[in-house]
Amino acid sequence: MKLLWTDRYGMNIPNENKARKMTLPPPDKRRLRNLSREPIVRKAMNIISDAVSSMPYTIDVIAPGRKKYVKEIAVIQNIIEHPNVIDSRRSFTKRIMDDALVLDAMVVEAAKGSDRNHPIYLYPVDAGTIKLLEPWDYTNPHGFRYVQDQEHGAQKFTADTIFYGTRQNFTDTHYGCSPVRYAYKYISDYIEACARANDIATNTTSSFIVGLKDATPEMVEKFRDYMTNEIEGTGHIPVVGGTDIDSRQIRSINKDNLGIDWIDRLTKIIAMSFSIPPEELGITIQNDRSTEDDRDNSMTEGAIKPYAYLLEDLYNNYVIAKMGLGGVLKFRFIHEDSENQKTAKSTRLVNEYKADLITENEFRTLCGYEESQSKYANMTHVEKTANLNVDLGIAGGGGFNGVGDVKNTTKDDGSKKDGDSG
């Protein structure tokens, strides 16, 4: 491994914001890392990284022919399950998923090994320590693209051994926007909007006016001094003399004005940033009519699959392709459906098979089962039925009426009845 694990201070997020007064400072690597460790944000990240790291996968043979490539697939599975001498597939995936969700950068170094059963090792790298050389030289596939500050100076690397995956892709920059960065920006904008609203409310006209009945100018002035010098900022209860006992609310006494609703609003902001339902983060109030299956499907499509595709690119381009099997084998995740979706899919496939639209093996493949070795398995339903009837001798010759009743066409001595032809 040539790349450093991390320099613990690098930053790869450019900041080109114009100078202006902000409630929160512009996001950088340290601030995004700190935000990612807050409970609500970390829960959202764990939901996605746990789903991706435990997702089942398969390695398909895409080359023509009948060769199964059993040994090659076993080697690839060994690399995926044990990417290096420390990590398992789950821990390795969760490491690089953390960078992808915080910095929108998934960086892995692929190093060759001498073991035939483990020819490639994968090392997770702190994406914050990697800077991109811009502009890239698109004419040279082996040109330098990445640089990392190391002990003896800047070290350049090519894309031959460094995988740098991002969910967001732009033409003006190679740096993306992560869900944590989105959440930071949403929160900053919301706090700034609240601050501006507060400035407008407090810098113009007071919200209330106090009237002292039958008070002389001297009494009004004394009341002002009393409120300014003895009450404001002290937390004391102001007591004003009079003939009647009365009280007026002068501070928040319910959740509407105590900021408790901010937790719910913050949770919704984070859920929106990560494309997951707020219910997954503890918000139990559901205002729309979407079902649980709809919400699960939305989270799978918007929050889980995009990062699964990044890992598919990693394994296909830096493991399978590096082993010379790029056009032969293909890694892919198996995205499991919900129980209701499985039932609907199974019913649809059964109807398609009975309508002679697909073969038995196509039906089995679409359902996730292994292909049958039966000689009838690559036939449609009607073809299979016809061939079975012929092979079993129950079709043709008048011996079978097509319904299920077999006629008795022999005499007691075993010879054919009169009128029957051999």
Protein backbone atom coordinates (compact mmCIF):
# COMPACT_ATOMS: atom_id res chain seq x y z
CA MET A 1 0.00 0.00 0.00
CA LYS A 2 1.54 3.33 -1.10
CA LEU A 3 -1.11 5.78 0.02
CA LEU A 4 -1.17 7.05 3.56
CA TRP A 5 -4.17 5.95 5.60
CA THR A 6 -4.94 9.57 6.54
CA ASP A 7 -3.15 12.79 7.41
CA ARG A 8 -5.96 13.66 9.84
CA TYR A 9 -6.13 17.24 8.66
CA GLY A 10 -6.52 17.18 4.88
CA MET A 11 -9.49 18.84 3.22
CA ASN A 12 -10.75 18.37 -0.33
CA ILE A 13 -13.86 20.53 -0.25
CA PRO A 14 -13.35 23.81 -2.12
CA ASN A 15 -14.93 26.89 -0.61
CA GLU A 16 -15.80 29.61 -3.09
CA ASN A 17 -18.61 31.25 -1.13
CA LYS A 18 -18.65 35.03 -1.35
CA ALA A 19 -17.77 36.85 1.84
CA ARG A 20 -20.97 37.55 3.72
CA LYS A 21 -22.26 37.35 7.22
CA MET A 22 -23.42 33.82 8.01
CA THR A 23 -24.92 32.26 11.10
CA LEU A 24 -22.83 29.11 10.57
CA PRO A 25 -19.33 29.13 9.03
CA PRO A 26 -18.86 27.55 5.59
CA PRO A 27 -18.63 23.74 5.67
CA ASP A 28 -15.23 22.08 5.58
CA LYS A 29 -14.04 18.57 6.28
CA ARG A 30 -13.76 19.04 10.04
CA ARG A 31 -17.21 20.60 10.39
CA LEU A 32 -18.84 17.95 8.23
CA ARG A 33 -17.11 15.20 10.22
CA ASN A 34 -18.37 16.76 13.45
CA LEU A 35 -21.92 17.03 12.11
CA SER A 36 -21.81 13.40 10.94
CA ARG A 37 -21.22 12.30 14.54
CA GLU A 38 -24.38 13.94 15.84
CA PRO A 39 -26.99 11.30 16.85
CA ILE A 40 -29.67 12.03 14.25
CA VAL A 41 -27.19 12.35 11.38
CA ARG A 42 -25.29 9.23 12.45
CA LYS A 43 -28.52 7.24 12.62
CA ALA A 44 -29.35 8.23 9.04
CA MET A 45 -25.83 7.26 7.93
CA ASN A 46 -26.03 3.92 9.74
CA ILE A 47 -29.32 3.04 8.05
CA ILE A 48 -27.71 3.44 4.62
CA SER A 49 -24.28 1.94 5.37
CA ASP A 50 -25.76 -1.06 7.21
CA ALA A 51 -28.06 -1.78 4.27
CA VAL A 52 -25.27 -1.57 1.69
CA SER A 53 -22.70 -3.53 3.71
CA SER A 54 -25.08 -6.46 4.29
CA MET A 55 -26.63 -6.54 0.82
CA PRO A 56 -26.41 -9.94 -0.93
CA TYR A 57 -24.52 -10.10 -4.21
CA THR A 58 -23.78 -12.42 -7.09
CA ILE A 59 -21.10 -12.77 -9.74
CA ASP A 60 -22.64 -13.50 -13.14
CA VAL A 61 -21.01 -15.12 -16.14
CA ILE A 62 -21.61 -12.75 -19.06
CA ALA A 63 -19.29 -14.40 -21.58
CA PRO A 64 -20.88 -16.68 -24.21
CA GLY A 65 -20.47 -20.40 -23.75
CA ARG A 66 -21.12 -22.94 -21.04
CA LYS A 67 -18.00 -22.46 -18.92
CA LYS A 68 -18.88 -21.78 -15.28
CA TYR A 69 -15.61 -20.09 -14.15
CA VAL A 70 -15.98 -21.65 -10.71
CA LYS A 71 -12.35 -21.12 -9.63
CA GLU A 72 -12.25 -17.53 -10.85
CA ILE A 73 -15.48 -16.67 -9.05
CA ALA A 74 -14.13 -18.23 -5.84
CA VAL A 75 -11.02 -16.02 -6.03
CA ILE A 76 -13.12 -12.89 -6.59
CA GLN A 77 -15.37 -13.78 -3.66
CA ASN A 78 -12.28 -14.23 -1.48
CA ILE A 79 -11.12 -10.70 -2.38
CA ILE A 80 -14.56 -9.22 -1.70
CA GLU A 81 -15.06 -11.02 1.62
CA HIS A 82 -11.47 -10.34 2.77
CA PRO A 83 -10.34 -7.14 1.00
CA ASN A 84 -7.20 -6.85 3.16
CA VAL A 85 -5.62 -8.53 6.18
CA ILE A 86 -7.66 -6.43 8.62
CA ASP A 87 -11.08 -5.76 7.16
CA SER A 88 -14.03 -7.96 6.38
CA ARG A 89 -16.44 -7.02 3.60
CA ARG A 90 -18.75 -5.39 6.12
CA SER A 91 -16.11 -3.30 7.92
CA PHE A 92 -14.43 -2.31 4.64
CA THR A 93 -17.74 -1.21 3.15
CA LYS A 94 -18.72 0.80 6.22
CA ARG A 95 -15.36 2.62 6.22
CA ILE A 96 -15.61 3.86 2.66
CA MET A 97 -19.36 4.46 2.96
CA ASP A 98 -18.65 6.93 5.77
CA ASP A 99 -16.51 9.05 3.43
CA ALA A 100 -19.09 8.75 0.66
CA LEU A 101 -21.87 10.05 2.90
CA VAL A 102 -19.78 12.82 4.49
CA LEU A 103 -17.55 13.99 1.61
CA ASP A 104 -19.18 12.34 -1.43
CA ALA A 105 -15.89 10.62 -2.14
CA MET A 106 -15.21 6.88 -1.93
CA VAL A 107 -11.44 6.28 -2.26
CA VAL A 108 -9.83 2.84 -2.42
CA GLU A 109 -6.31 1.77 -3.34
CA ALA A 110 -6.06 -1.52 -5.25
CA ALA A 111 -2.66 -3.20 -4.78
CA LYS A 112 -1.47 -6.39 -6.46
CA GLY A 113 -0.59 -9.40 -4.32
CA SER A 114 1.50 -12.54 -4.90
CA ASP A 115 -1.10 -15.04 -3.68
CA ARG A 116 -3.00 -16.65 -6.57
CA ASN A 117 -6.02 -17.05 -4.32
CA HIS A 118 -5.85 -13.37 -3.36
CA PRO A 119 -4.15 -11.47 -6.22
CA ILE A 120 -5.55 -8.02 -5.31
CA TYR A 121 -5.83 -6.20 -1.98
CA LEU A 122 -8.18 -3.28 -1.38
CA TYR A 123 -7.29 -0.56 1.12
CA PRO A 124 -9.71 2.17 2.30
CA VAL A 125 -8.22 5.67 2.22
CA ASP A 126 -9.38 8.87 3.94
CA ALA A 127 -10.97 10.72 1.02
CA GLY A 128 -10.24 14.03 2.70
CA THR A 129 -6.51 13.57 2.11
CA ILE A 130 -6.85 13.17 -1.66
CA LYS A 131 -6.79 16.15 -3.99
CA LEU A 132 -7.60 15.91 -7.68
CA LEU A 133 -5.28 17.25 -10.35
CA GLU A 134 -7.38 19.53 -12.55
CA PRO A 135 -7.87 19.58 -15.43
CA TRP A 136 -7.54 15.87 -16.16
CA ASP A 137 -5.70 14.68 -19.23
CA TYR A 138 -8.43 12.71 -20.98
CA THR A 139 -6.02 11.61 -23.74
CA ASN A 140 -3.81 9.61 -21.38
CA PRO A 141 -5.58 6.83 -19.44
CA HIS A 142 -2.42 6.29 -17.37
CA GLY A 143 -1.83 9.95 -16.51
CA PHE A 144 -1.68 11.33 -12.98
CA ARG A 145 -5.07 12.24 -11.54
CA TYR A 146 -4.66 12.32 -7.76
CA VAL A 147 -2.18 13.78 -5.27
CA GLN A 148 -1.67 13.27 -1.55
CA ASP A 149 0.61 15.22 0.79
CA GLN A 150 3.00 12.76 2.41
CA GLU A 151 6.09 13.00 4.62
CA HIS A 152 8.47 13.57 1.72
CA GLY A 153 6.20 15.88 -0.25
CA ALA A 154 3.29 15.54 -2.64
CA GLN A 155 2.84 12.07 -4.13
CA LYS A 156 0.93 11.69 -7.40
CA PHE A 157 -1.15 8.68 -8.38
CA THR A 158 -2.94 7.42 -11.48
CA ALA A 159 -6.39 5.93 -11.85
CA ASP A 160 -4.80 2.51 -12.49
CA THR A 161 -4.60 1.78 -8.77
CA ILE A 162 -6.81 4.47 -7.19
CA PHE A 163 -10.58 4.19 -7.26
CA TYR A 164 -12.26 7.56 -6.66
CA GLY A 165 -16.03 7.25 -6.74
CA THR A 166 -18.58 10.03 -6.31
CA ARG A 167 -22.36 9.97 -6.42
CA GLN A 168 -22.64 13.50 -7.80
CA ASN A 169 -20.83 14.31 -11.05
CA PHE A 170 -20.31 17.74 -12.61
CA THR A 171 -18.46 19.23 -15.57
CA ASP A 172 -17.03 22.25 -13.73
CA THR A 173 -15.56 20.31 -10.80
CA HIS A 174 -14.77 16.74 -9.79
CA TYR A 175 -15.90 17.29 -6.21
CA GLY A 176 -19.44 16.26 -5.34
CA CYS A 177 -22.05 17.17 -2.73
CA SER A 178 -22.68 14.71 0.08
CA PRO A 179 -25.88 14.22 2.13
CA VAL A 180 -24.10 15.59 5.20
CA ARG A 181 -23.10 18.70 3.24
CA TYR A 182 -26.71 19.10 2.09
CA ALA A 183 -27.90 18.82 5.71
CA TYR A 184 -25.32 21.39 6.84
CA LYS A 185 -26.45 23.80 4.14
CA TYR A 186 -30.15 23.28 4.92
CA ILE A 187 -29.56 23.84 8.63
CA SER A 188 -27.42 26.91 7.97
CA ASP A 189 -30.05 28.42 5.68
CA TYR A 190 -32.82 27.70 8.18
CA ILE A 191 -30.93 29.23 11.10
CA GLU A 192 -30.00 32.25 9.01
CA ALA A 193 -33.62 32.71 7.94
CA CYS A 194 -34.70 32.56 11.58
CA ALA A 195 -32.00 35.08 12.52
CA ARG A 196 -33.11 37.46 9.77
CA ALA A 197 -36.74 37.12 10.82
CA ASN A 198 -35.73 37.85 14.39
CA ASP A 199 -33.80 40.94 13.29
CA ILE A 200 -36.79 42.21 11.38
CA ALA A 201 -39.08 41.57 14.32
CA THR A 202 -36.82 43.16 16.96
CA ASN A 203 -35.26 46.04 15.05
CA THR A 204 -38.47 47.73 13.95
CA THR A 205 -41.36 47.99 16.40
CA SER A 206 -41.89 46.21 19.71
CA SER A 207 -44.45 43.44 19.70
CA PHE A 208 -46.30 44.78 22.72
CA ILE A 209 -47.00 48.14 24.34
CA VAL A 210 -47.51 48.55 28.05
CA GLY A 211 -50.13 50.97 29.28
CA LEU A 212 -50.13 52.22 32.89
CA LYS A 213 -53.57 53.49 33.79
CA ASP A 214 -53.74 56.88 35.50
CA ALA A 215 -49.95 56.97 35.81
CA THR A 216 -48.10 60.25 36.00
CA PRO A 217 -44.95 60.87 33.92
CA GLU A 218 -42.88 60.32 37.04
CA MET A 219 -44.50 56.90 37.62
CA VAL A 220 -43.93 55.87 33.98
CA GLU A 221 -40.25 56.80 34.22
CA LYS A 222 -39.87 54.83 37.44
CA PHE A 223 -41.51 51.80 35.77
CA ARG A 224 -39.05 52.01 32.87
CA ASP A 225 -36.08 52.15 35.22
CA TYR A 226 -37.48 49.25 37.24
CA MET A 227 -37.91 46.98 34.17
CA THR A 228 -34.52 47.94 32.71
CA ASN A 229 -32.39 47.73 35.84
CA GLU A 230 -34.04 45.08 37.98
CA ILE A 231 -36.03 42.73 35.71
CA GLU A 232 -34.59 42.40 32.19
CA GLY A 233 -31.99 39.64 32.07
CA THR A 234 -32.39 38.62 35.73
CA GLY A 235 -35.21 36.09 35.51
CA HIS A 236 -37.02 37.81 38.39
CA ILE A 237 -40.80 38.04 38.38
CA PRO A 238 -41.83 41.67 38.02
CA VAL A 239 -44.33 42.80 40.66
CA VAL A 240 -46.32 45.97 40.06
CA GLY A 241 -48.50 47.48 42.75
CA GLY A 242 -52.20 48.05 42.17
CA THR A 243 -55.67 47.54 43.55
CA ASP A 244 -56.30 44.22 41.74
CA ILE A 245 -54.25 41.02 41.50
CA ASP A 246 -53.49 40.27 37.85
CA SER A 247 -50.84 38.51 35.72
CA ARG A 248 -49.68 38.59 32.11
CA GLN A 249 -47.54 36.06 30.22
CA ILE A 250 -44.11 37.53 29.53
CA ARG A 251 -42.13 34.43 28.44
CA SER A 252 -42.65 31.01 26.80
CA ILE A 253 -44.58 28.43 28.77
CA ASN A 254 -45.43 25.83 26.09
CA LYS A 255 -43.53 23.83 23.47
CA ASP A 256 -44.50 26.19 20.64
CA ASN A 257 -42.11 28.84 21.94
CA LEU A 258 -39.55 26.69 23.76
CA GLY A 259 -37.83 25.35 20.64
CA ILE A 260 -38.94 21.76 21.14
CA ASP A 261 -40.38 21.63 17.62
CA TRP A 262 -36.89 22.35 16.33
CA ILE A 263 -35.94 18.70 16.93
CA ASP A 264 -38.72 17.50 14.64
CA ARG A 265 -37.80 20.08 12.03
CA LEU A 266 -34.12 19.13 12.24
CA THR A 267 -34.99 15.45 11.85
CA LYS A 268 -37.05 16.18 8.74
CA ILE A 269 -34.20 18.25 7.26
CA ILE A 270 -31.73 15.39 7.77
CA ALA A 271 -34.17 12.79 6.42
CA MET A 272 -34.68 14.90 3.30
CA SER A 273 -30.92 15.32 2.86
CA PHE A 274 -30.35 11.56 2.99
CA SER A 275 -33.47 10.64 0.95
CA ILE A 276 -34.89 8.46 3.69
CA PRO A 277 -38.39 8.58 5.26
CA PRO A 278 -38.59 10.69 8.46
CA GLU A 279 -40.27 7.69 10.13
CA GLU A 280 -36.92 5.88 10.02
CA LEU A 281 -35.46 8.60 12.26
CA GLY A 282 -38.25 8.58 14.82
CA ILE A 283 -40.83 10.97 13.34
CA THR A 284 -44.09 9.08 13.83
CA ILE A 285 -46.51 11.58 12.29
CA GLN A 286 -47.33 10.58 8.72
CA ASN A 287 -49.21 13.13 6.65
CA ASP A 288 -49.30 11.42 3.25
CA ARG A 289 -50.98 8.20 2.15
CA SER A 290 -47.89 6.28 1.10
CA THR A 291 -47.63 2.72 2.39
CA GLU A 292 -44.66 1.17 4.15
CA ASP A 293 -43.72 -0.59 0.90
CA ASP A 294 -43.77 2.74 -0.92
CA ARG A 295 -41.47 4.30 1.66
CA ASP A 296 -39.10 1.32 1.63
CA ASN A 297 -38.96 1.37 -2.15
CA SER A 298 -38.32 5.11 -2.16
CA MET A 299 -35.45 4.72 0.31
CA THR A 300 -33.96 1.84 -1.67
CA GLU A 301 -34.04 3.77 -4.93
CA GLY A 302 -32.93 7.14 -3.56
CA ALA A 303 -30.58 6.31 -0.69
CA ILE A 304 -29.20 2.77 -1.05
CA LYS A 305 -28.88 1.87 -4.72
CA PRO A 306 -26.72 4.89 -5.70
CA TYR A 307 -24.00 3.80 -3.26
CA ALA A 308 -24.39 0.16 -4.20
CA TYR A 309 -23.66 1.18 -7.80
CA LEU A 310 -20.38 2.80 -6.65
CA LEU A 311 -19.30 -0.47 -5.04
CA GLU A 312 -20.27 -2.38 -8.18
CA ASP A 313 -17.97 -0.08 -10.16
CA LEU A 314 -15.17 -0.71 -7.66
CA TYR A 315 -15.38 -4.51 -7.83
CA ASN A 316 -15.96 -4.69 -11.58
CA ASN A 317 -13.22 -2.23 -12.59
CA TYR A 318 -10.56 -2.78 -9.94
CA VAL A 319 -10.95 -6.48 -9.15
CA ILE A 320 -12.59 -8.36 -12.01
CA ALA A 321 -11.11 -6.21 -14.80
CA LYS A 322 -7.64 -6.21 -13.18
CA MET A 323 -7.77 -10.03 -13.22
CA GLY A 324 -8.43 -9.98 -16.97
CA LEU A 325 -12.05 -11.08 -16.61
CA GLY A 326 -13.75 -7.80 -17.49
CA GLY A 327 -15.80 -9.18 -20.37
CA VAL A 328 -16.34 -12.54 -18.72
CA LEU A 329 -17.68 -11.96 -15.20
CA LYS A 330 -19.75 -9.18 -13.63
CA PHE A 331 -20.39 -8.33 -9.98
CA ARG A 332 -23.81 -7.03 -9.02
CA PHE A 333 -25.86 -6.61 -5.87
CA ILE A 334 -29.17 -8.39 -5.43
CA HIS A 335 -31.79 -5.82 -4.48
CA GLU A 336 -34.42 -7.72 -2.52
CA ASP A 337 -38.07 -6.75 -2.81
CA SER A 338 -40.53 -6.45 0.07
CA GLU A 339 -42.89 -9.35 0.76
CA ASN A 340 -45.77 -7.64 -1.05
CA GLN A 341 -43.52 -6.87 -4.01
CA LYS A 342 -42.29 -10.48 -4.08
CA THR A 343 -45.87 -11.78 -4.12
CA ALA A 344 -46.89 -9.43 -6.93
CA LYS A 345 -43.78 -10.31 -8.93
CA SER A 346 -44.29 -14.05 -8.46
CA THR A 347 -47.93 -13.81 -9.61
CA ARG A 348 -46.92 -11.81 -12.68
CA LEU A 349 -44.17 -14.29 -13.64
CA VAL A 350 -46.50 -17.29 -13.22
CA ASN A 351 -49.00 -15.65 -15.55
CA GLU A 352 -46.26 -14.88 -18.07
CA TYR A 353 -45.06 -18.50 -17.97
CA LYS A 354 -48.57 -19.88 -18.44
CA ALA A 355 -49.07 -17.45 -21.34
CA ASP A 356 -45.92 -18.88 -23.01
CA LEU A 357 -44.05 -15.57 -22.78
CA ILE A 358 -41.06 -16.99 -20.88
CA THR A 359 -39.43 -20.39 -20.42
CA GLU A 360 -39.12 -22.31 -17.18
CA ASN A 361 -35.46 -21.34 -16.74
CA GLU A 362 -36.25 -17.70 -17.45
CA PHE A 363 -38.96 -17.93 -14.81
CA ARG A 364 -36.53 -19.48 -12.31
CA THR A 365 -33.85 -16.86 -13.02
CA LEU A 366 -36.25 -13.96 -12.56
CA CYS A 367 -37.40 -15.48 -9.26
CA GLY A 368 -33.82 -15.89 -8.05
CA TYR A 369 -33.60 -19.68 -8.32
CA GLU A 370 -30.89 -21.77 -9.99
CA GLU A 371 -31.55 -22.94 -13.53
CA SER A 372 -32.99 -26.41 -14.00
CA GLN A 373 -30.94 -29.01 -15.89
CA SER A 374 -34.08 -30.62 -17.34
CA LYS A 375 -34.17 -30.78 -21.13
CA TYR A 376 -37.60 -29.19 -20.97
CA ALA A 377 -36.46 -26.20 -18.87
CA ASN A 378 -35.67 -23.96 -21.85
CA MET A 379 -39.09 -24.47 -23.41
CA THR A 380 -42.27 -22.47 -22.95
CA HIS A 381 -45.18 -24.02 -21.08
CA VAL A 382 -46.99 -25.27 -24.21
CA GLU A 383 -43.75 -26.60 -25.74
CA LYS A 384 -42.88 -28.44 -22.55
CA THR A 385 -46.36 -30.00 -22.32
CA ALA A 386 -46.29 -31.15 -25.95
CA ASN A 387 -42.82 -32.70 -25.65
CA LEU A 388 -43.70 -34.44 -22.40
CA ASN A 389 -46.78 -36.00 -24.01
CA VAL A 390 -44.71 -37.29 -26.92
CA ASP A 391 -41.89 -38.62 -24.74
CA LEU A 392 -44.30 -40.39 -22.39
CA GLY A 393 -46.24 -41.93 -25.26
CA ILE A 394 -49.52 -40.35 -24.32
CA ALA A 395 -49.86 -38.12 -27.37
CA GLY A 396 -50.86 -39.27 -30.88
CA GLY A 397 -52.22 -42.69 -32.01
CA GLY A 398 -55.55 -42.14 -30.27
CA GLY A 399 -54.32 -43.63 -27.00
CA PHE A 400 -54.95 -40.39 -25.07
CA ASN A 401 -57.99 -38.20 -25.45
CA GLY A 402 -56.30 -35.04 -24.30
CA VAL A 403 -58.33 -34.79 -21.11
CA GLY A 404 -56.90 -37.47 -18.89
CA ASP A 405 -58.91 -40.67 -19.48
CA VAL A 406 -56.78 -43.44 -21.03
CA LYS A 407 -58.84 -45.79 -23.22
CA ASN A 408 -58.57 -49.58 -22.87
CA THR A 409 -57.51 -50.72 -26.38
CA THR A 410 -56.41 -54.31 -25.63
CA LYS A 411 -58.21 -57.68 -25.33
CA ASP A 412 -57.87 -60.00 -22.38
CA ASP A 413 -55.13 -61.98 -24.20
CA GLY A 414 -53.13 -58.79 -24.78
CA SER A 415 -53.85 -58.45 -28.52
CA LYS A 416 -55.41 -55.35 -30.14
CA LYS A 417 -59.16 -55.09 -30.28
CA ASP A 418 -60.86 -55.32 -33.68
CA GLY A 419 -60.67 -52.08 -35.60
CA ASP A 420 -57.53 -50.92 -33.83
CA SER A 421 -54.47 -50.50 -35.99
CA GLY A 422 -50.99 -51.19 -34.81
